[in-house]
Every structure is written in C-alpha cells, then in structure tokens.
C-alpha atoms as a PDB file:
ATOM      1  CA  MET A   1      15.151  -0.999  11.852  1.00  0.00           C
ATOM      2  CA  ARG A   2      15.860  -3.450   8.847  1.00  0.00           C
ATOM      3  CA  LEU A   3      13.306  -5.561   6.687  1.00  0.00           C
ATOM      4  CA  ASP A   4      13.711  -9.537   6.360  1.00  0.00           C
ATOM      5  CA  PRO A   5      15.820  -9.822   3.146  1.00  0.00           C
ATOM      6  CA  ARG A   6      13.340 -12.670   2.565  1.00  0.00           C
ATOM      7  CA  CYS A   7      10.578 -10.983   2.947  1.00  0.00           C
ATOM      8  CA  PRO A   8       8.962  -9.853  -0.540  1.00  0.00           C
ATOM      9  CA  LEU A   9       7.955  -6.347   0.386  1.00  0.00           C
ATOM     10  CA  ALA A  10      11.974  -5.445   1.217  1.00  0.00           C
ATOM     11  CA  ASP A  11      13.185  -4.651  -2.557  1.00  0.00           C
ATOM     12  CA  THR A  12      10.416  -1.888  -3.884  1.00  0.00           C
ATOM     13  CA  VAL A  13      12.456   0.363  -6.491  1.00  0.00           C
ATOM     14  CA  GLY A  14      11.255   0.139 -10.371  1.00  0.00           C
ATOM     15  CA  MET A  15       7.976  -1.913  -9.176  1.00  0.00           C
ATOM     16  CA  LYS A  16       4.341  -1.024  -9.743  1.00  0.00           C
ATOM     17  CA  TYR A  17       1.661   0.484  -6.851  1.00  0.00           C
ATOM     18  CA  ALA A  18      -1.616  -0.412  -6.158  1.00  0.00           C
ATOM     19  CA  ARG A  19      -3.944   1.912  -4.796  1.00  0.00           C
ATOM     20  CA  ILE A  20      -5.771  -0.395  -2.702  1.00  0.00           C
ATOM     21  CA  SER A  21      -9.047  -0.006   0.214  1.00  0.00           C
ATOM     22  CA  PHE A  22     -10.677  -2.808   2.425  1.00  0.00           C
ATOM     23  CA  PRO A  23     -13.835  -3.597   3.401  1.00  0.00           C
ATOM     24  CA  SER A  24     -14.110  -2.667   6.683  1.00  0.00           C
ATOM     25  CA  ARG A  25     -11.965  -0.391   9.064  1.00  0.00           C
ATOM     26  CA  ASP A  26     -11.110  -3.486  11.396  1.00  0.00           C
ATOM     27  CA  VAL A  27      -9.630  -5.184   8.292  1.00  0.00           C
ATOM     28  CA  ALA A  28      -7.925  -2.539   7.280  1.00  0.00           C
ATOM     29  CA  VAL A  29      -6.252  -1.780  10.872  1.00  0.00           C
ATOM     30  CA  ARG A  30      -5.383  -5.482  10.982  1.00  0.00           C
ATOM     31  CA  ALA A  31      -3.986  -4.676   7.361  1.00  0.00           C
ATOM     32  CA  PHE A  32      -2.184  -1.907   7.778  1.00  0.00           C
ATOM     33  CA  HIS A  33      -0.145  -3.446  10.682  1.00  0.00           C
ATOM     34  CA  GLU A  34       1.138  -6.747   8.798  1.00  0.00           C
ATOM     35  CA  LEU A  35       2.054  -4.413   6.368  1.00  0.00           C
ATOM     36  CA  ALA A  36       3.711  -1.840   8.450  1.00  0.00           C
ATOM     37  CA  ARG A  37       5.561  -4.833   9.657  1.00  0.00           C
ATOM     38  CA  HIS A  38       7.196  -6.049   6.199  1.00  0.00           C
ATOM     39  CA  GLY A  39       7.444  -3.121   4.443  1.00  0.00           C
ATOM     40  CA  ARG A  40       6.544   0.370   2.945  1.00  0.00           C
ATOM     41  CA  ILE A  41       3.062   1.548   2.850  1.00  0.00           C
ATOM     42  CA  VAL A  42       1.223   4.847   2.578  1.00  0.00           C
ATOM     43  CA  SER A  43      -1.881   5.529   4.267  1.00  0.00           C
ATOM     44  CA  LEU A  44      -4.388   8.175   2.431  1.00  0.00           C
ATOM     45  CA  PRO A  45      -7.106  10.474   4.180  1.00  0.00           C
ATOM     46  CA  ASP A  46      -9.537   8.772   2.714  1.00  0.00           C
ATOM     47  CA  GLY A  47      -9.127   5.128   3.569  1.00  0.00           C
ATOM     48  CA  GLN A  48      -7.347   4.066   1.340  1.00  0.00           C
ATOM     49  CA  PHE A  49      -3.448   2.689   0.527  1.00  0.00           C
ATOM     50  CA  ILE A  50      -0.589   2.891  -1.767  1.00  0.00           C
ATOM     51  CA  VAL A  51       1.347  -0.688  -1.637  1.00  0.00           C
ATOM     52  CA  PRO A  52       3.243  -2.418  -3.445  1.00  0.00           C
ATOM     53  CA  GLU A  53       2.771  -4.901  -6.050  1.00  0.00           C
ATOM     54  CA  PRO A  54       4.224  -7.569  -3.729  1.00  0.00           C
ATOM     55  CA  ALA A  55       2.303  -6.450  -0.681  1.00  0.00           C
ATOM     56  CA  THR A  56      -1.116  -7.196  -2.592  1.00  0.00           C
ATOM     57  CA  ALA A  57       0.232 -11.576  -2.724  1.00  0.00           C
ATOM     58  CA  PHE A  58       1.223 -11.083   0.777  1.00  0.00           C
ATOM     59  CA  LEU A  59      -2.346  -9.704   1.589  1.00  0.00           C
ATOM     60  CA  GLN A  60      -4.045 -12.806  -0.057  1.00  0.00           C
ATOM     61  CA  THR A  61      -1.216 -15.263   1.953  1.00  0.00           C
ATOM     62  CA  ARG A  62      -2.472 -13.675   5.353  1.00  0.00           C
ATOM     63  CA  GLY A  63      -6.173 -14.102   3.795  1.00  0.00           C
ATOM     64  CA  PHE A  64      -7.183 -10.125   3.680  1.00  0.00           C
ATOM     65  CA  THR A  65     -10.407  -9.421   1.282  1.00  0.00           C
ATOM     66  CA  TYR A  66      -8.929  -5.750  -0.674  1.00  0.00           C
ATOM     67  CA  GLN A  67     -10.091  -4.163  -3.489  1.00  0.00           C
ATOM     68  CA  THR A  68      -7.610  -2.376  -6.365  1.00  0.00           C
ATOM     69  CA  HIS A  69      -8.886   0.495  -7.374  1.00  0.00           C
ATOM     70  CA  GLU A  70      -5.553   1.335  -9.961  1.00  0.00           C
ATOM     71  CA  TRP A  71      -2.235   0.108 -10.606  1.00  0.00           C
ATOM     72  CA  MET A  72       0.905   2.754 -10.762  1.00  0.00           C
ATOM     73  CA  SER A  73       4.229   3.400 -11.565  1.00  0.00           C
ATOM     74  CA  GLU A  74       6.865   4.447  -8.728  1.00  0.00           C
ATOM     75  CA  ALA A  75       6.902   7.843 -10.716  1.00  0.00           C
ATOM     76  CA  TYR A  76       3.610   8.404 -10.391  1.00  0.00           C
ATOM     77  CA  VAL A  77       3.270   7.695  -6.584  1.00  0.00           C
ATOM     78  CA  THR A  78       5.329   9.786  -6.069  1.00  0.00           C
ATOM     79  CA  GLN A  79       4.473  12.817  -8.189  1.00  0.00           C
ATOM     80  CA  ALA A  80       0.742  12.143  -6.402  1.00  0.00           C
ATOM     81  CA  LEU A  81       2.231  12.434  -3.220  1.00  0.00           C
ATOM     82  CA  ARG A  82       4.587  15.615  -3.573  1.00  0.00           C
ATOM     83  CA  ASN A  83       1.467  17.192  -5.645  1.00  0.00           C
ATOM     84  CA  PRO A  84      -2.002  16.496  -3.364  1.00  0.00           C
ATOM     85  CA  ALA A  85      -5.167  18.393  -5.163  1.00  0.00           C
ATOM     86  CA  PRO A  86      -5.959  21.427  -2.955  1.00  0.00           C
ATOM     87  CA  ASN A  87      -8.420  21.271  -0.758  1.00  0.00           C
ATOM     88  CA  PRO A  88     -11.886  22.113  -1.629  1.00  0.00           C
ATOM     89  CA  VAL A  89     -13.136  25.629  -0.049  1.00  0.00           C
END
C-alpha cells in the first residue's frame, strides 16, 4: 500500500504529533477511518489518538471536531509507546 505523494500525511519524519480525542464514538470511528486511509494514526485504549501534525489540518478540512490534549515530538511518542505505564493491580 502506498500513500499518495500529494497527501499531507505521507511524510511524517521529524514532525510534531498531537494526542487528540473526539466528542463521540461515532465521530471517532468516522475520523479514524478517514485518517487510516491517508496516513499513520495510533489508537490508544482510553479513546484518544496520536496523529501527525498535518492530520489536524486534514481533520479540520473534513469538518471533524476534536480536542487536542498535548503536542509531542516523534521521540516522545516512540518512547511512550515502547514503555507504557504498568496496569494497576
């Protein structure tokens, strides 16, 4: 599967990432479907997503409402995904 080279989500090396959430599950499902067709997205167990910076503009052009919780570097995202906090016992 190749991404369209004109797609703003195709080049994600060295950019910022946003941890976002959507107002409802229905909106989240539709947005996830659109994002997954165009680039990389990480779905977290708590209903939040990590998306590359251009994805936020992409979501706005498609009319999706979302809340940005924080901005992260690629190194921070990689570290967070490799070393998740332990589950409470």
